[in-house]
Amino acid sequence: MAQVWVAVDGAVAGTIRCSDALRPDAASVVDRVRAAGVRPVLLTGDDASVADLVAAATGIEEVHAEATPEDKSTIVGRFAAPARSW
């Protein structure tokens, strides 16, 4: 979700929040991924509240939000490691 700060005459007047809508088939795609034996994980730089909404709408149980590029690299590395236990 993006947040735009609005100013009038140099003073903050408010904010506008906007976001993209999930694709209508997002939850069914996640279900198919799970049915194929893959555990879906949401890894995003987005705000935690937005990530939680997406996860709830799609049935994803593990969420890593507000991740920096470095965080993402570390987390993906953990998933790629052969010793990963679920």
C-alpha atoms as a PDB file:
ATOM      1  CA  MET A   1       0.000   0.000   0.000  1.00  0.00           C
ATOM      2  CA  ALA A   2       1.308   3.401  -0.899  1.00  0.00           C
ATOM      3  CA  GLN A   3       0.764   6.408   1.299  1.00  0.00           C
ATOM      4  CA  VAL A   4       0.873   9.901  -0.157  1.00  0.00           C
ATOM      5  CA  TRP A   5       1.166  12.877   2.154  1.00  0.00           C
ATOM      6  CA  VAL A   6      -0.883  15.881   1.037  1.00  0.00           C
ATOM      7  CA  ALA A   7       0.135  19.436   1.913  1.00  0.00           C
ATOM      8  CA  VAL A   8      -1.803  22.661   1.497  1.00  0.00           C
ATOM      9  CA  ASP A   9       0.163  25.887   1.684  1.00  0.00           C
ATOM     10  CA  GLY A  10       3.130  23.988   3.086  1.00  0.00           C
ATOM     11  CA  ALA A  11       1.204  22.311   5.911  1.00  0.00           C
ATOM     12  CA  VAL A  12       0.259  18.646   6.022  1.00  0.00           C
ATOM     13  CA  ALA A  13      -3.454  18.336   5.292  1.00  0.00           C
ATOM     14  CA  GLY A  14      -3.732  14.556   5.310  1.00  0.00           C
ATOM     15  CA  THR A  15      -2.786  11.358   3.573  1.00  0.00           C
ATOM     16  CA  ILE A  16      -4.129   9.262   0.755  1.00  0.00           C
ATOM     17  CA  ARG A  17      -3.592   5.511   0.846  1.00  0.00           C
ATOM     18  CA  CYS A  18      -3.940   3.364  -2.217  1.00  0.00           C
ATOM     19  CA  SER A  19      -3.166  -0.214  -3.128  1.00  0.00           C
ATOM     20  CA  ASP A  20      -3.374  -2.729  -5.912  1.00  0.00           C
ATOM     21  CA  ALA A  21      -6.154  -5.279  -5.776  1.00  0.00           C
ATOM     22  CA  LEU A  22      -5.306  -8.957  -5.551  1.00  0.00           C
ATOM     23  CA  ARG A  23      -5.972 -10.959  -8.650  1.00  0.00           C
ATOM     24  CA  PRO A  24      -9.292 -12.781  -8.328  1.00  0.00           C
ATOM     25  CA  ASP A  25      -7.557 -16.150  -8.695  1.00  0.00           C
ATOM     26  CA  ALA A  26      -4.778 -15.485  -6.146  1.00  0.00           C
ATOM     27  CA  ALA A  27      -6.166 -17.786  -3.444  1.00  0.00           C
ATOM     28  CA  SER A  28      -6.766 -20.636  -5.887  1.00  0.00           C
ATOM     29  CA  VAL A  29      -3.218 -20.283  -7.248  1.00  0.00           C
ATOM     30  CA  VAL A  30      -1.832 -20.557  -3.705  1.00  0.00           C
ATOM     31  CA  ASP A  31      -4.048 -23.611  -3.158  1.00  0.00           C
ATOM     32  CA  ARG A  32      -2.630 -25.231  -6.305  1.00  0.00           C
ATOM     33  CA  VAL A  33       0.922 -24.460  -5.182  1.00  0.00           C
ATOM     34  CA  ARG A  34       0.198 -26.093  -1.820  1.00  0.00           C
ATOM     35  CA  ALA A  35      -1.443 -29.094  -3.548  1.00  0.00           C
ATOM     36  CA  ALA A  36       1.755 -29.534  -5.572  1.00  0.00           C
ATOM     37  CA  GLY A  37       3.627 -30.039  -2.303  1.00  0.00           C
ATOM     38  CA  VAL A  38       5.152 -26.576  -2.091  1.00  0.00           C
ATOM     39  CA  ARG A  39       4.761 -24.556   1.086  1.00  0.00           C
ATOM     40  CA  PRO A  40       3.819 -20.974   0.129  1.00  0.00           C
ATOM     41  CA  VAL A  41       5.620 -18.197   1.990  1.00  0.00           C
ATOM     42  CA  LEU A  42       5.049 -14.465   1.555  1.00  0.00           C
ATOM     43  CA  LEU A  43       8.308 -12.471   1.567  1.00  0.00           C
ATOM     44  CA  THR A  44       7.826  -8.770   0.902  1.00  0.00           C
ATOM     45  CA  GLY A  45       9.153  -5.327   1.594  1.00  0.00           C
ATOM     46  CA  ASP A  46       5.604  -4.102   2.041  1.00  0.00           C
ATOM     47  CA  ASP A  47       4.153  -2.929   5.335  1.00  0.00           C
ATOM     48  CA  ALA A  48       3.243  -5.750   7.733  1.00  0.00           C
ATOM     49  CA  SER A  49      -0.437  -4.775   7.806  1.00  0.00           C
ATOM     50  CA  VAL A  50      -0.649  -5.070   4.018  1.00  0.00           C
ATOM     51  CA  ALA A  51       1.260  -8.358   3.974  1.00  0.00           C
ATOM     52  CA  ASP A  52      -1.060  -9.760   6.648  1.00  0.00           C
ATOM     53  CA  LEU A  53      -4.117  -8.828   4.563  1.00  0.00           C
ATOM     54  CA  VAL A  54      -2.662 -10.540   1.487  1.00  0.00           C
ATOM     55  CA  ALA A  55      -1.736 -13.618   3.508  1.00  0.00           C
ATOM     56  CA  ALA A  56      -5.210 -13.847   5.035  1.00  0.00           C
ATOM     57  CA  ALA A  57      -6.874 -13.482   1.636  1.00  0.00           C
ATOM     58  CA  THR A  58      -4.714 -16.181   0.050  1.00  0.00           C
ATOM     59  CA  GLY A  59      -4.296 -18.630   2.914  1.00  0.00           C
ATOM     60  CA  ILE A  60      -0.562 -18.107   3.290  1.00  0.00           C
ATOM     61  CA  GLU A  61       0.495 -18.877   6.860  1.00  0.00           C
ATOM     62  CA  GLU A  62       4.136 -17.741   6.919  1.00  0.00           C
ATOM     63  CA  VAL A  63       4.753 -14.040   6.310  1.00  0.00           C
ATOM     64  CA  HIS A  64       7.975 -12.027   6.315  1.00  0.00           C
ATOM     65  CA  ALA A  65       7.100  -8.343   5.846  1.00  0.00           C
ATOM     66  CA  GLU A  66       9.013  -5.067   5.763  1.00  0.00           C
ATOM     67  CA  ALA A  67      12.036  -7.024   4.540  1.00  0.00           C
ATOM     68  CA  THR A  68      14.997  -5.147   3.102  1.00  0.00           C
ATOM     69  CA  PRO A  69      16.837  -6.590   0.096  1.00  0.00           C
ATOM     70  CA  GLU A  70      19.436  -7.939   2.529  1.00  0.00           C
ATOM     71  CA  ASP A  71      16.700  -9.521   4.682  1.00  0.00           C
ATOM     72  CA  LYS A  72      15.207 -11.134   1.594  1.00  0.00           C
ATOM     73  CA  SER A  73      18.554 -12.591   0.578  1.00  0.00           C
ATOM     74  CA  THR A  74      19.077 -14.047   4.049  1.00  0.00           C
ATOM     75  CA  ILE A  75      15.580 -15.511   4.256  1.00  0.00           C
ATOM     76  CA  VAL A  76      15.727 -17.023   0.769  1.00  0.00           C
ATOM     77  CA  GLY A  77      19.121 -18.481   1.667  1.00  0.00           C
ATOM     78  CA  ARG A  78      17.589 -20.189   4.687  1.00  0.00           C
ATOM     79  CA  PHE A  79      14.897 -21.745   2.522  1.00  0.00           C
ATOM     80  CA  ALA A  80      17.472 -22.897  -0.011  1.00  0.00           C
ATOM     81  CA  ALA A  81      19.654 -24.546   2.633  1.00  0.00           C
ATOM     82  CA  PRO A  82      19.314 -28.348   2.560  1.00  0.00           C
ATOM     83  CA  ALA A  83      19.024 -28.553   6.370  1.00  0.00           C
ATOM     84  CA  ARG A  84      15.775 -26.506   6.400  1.00  0.00           C
ATOM     85  CA  SER A  85      13.216 -28.228   8.593  1.00  0.00           C
ATOM     86  CA  TRP A  86       9.537 -27.445   8.377  1.00  0.00           C
END
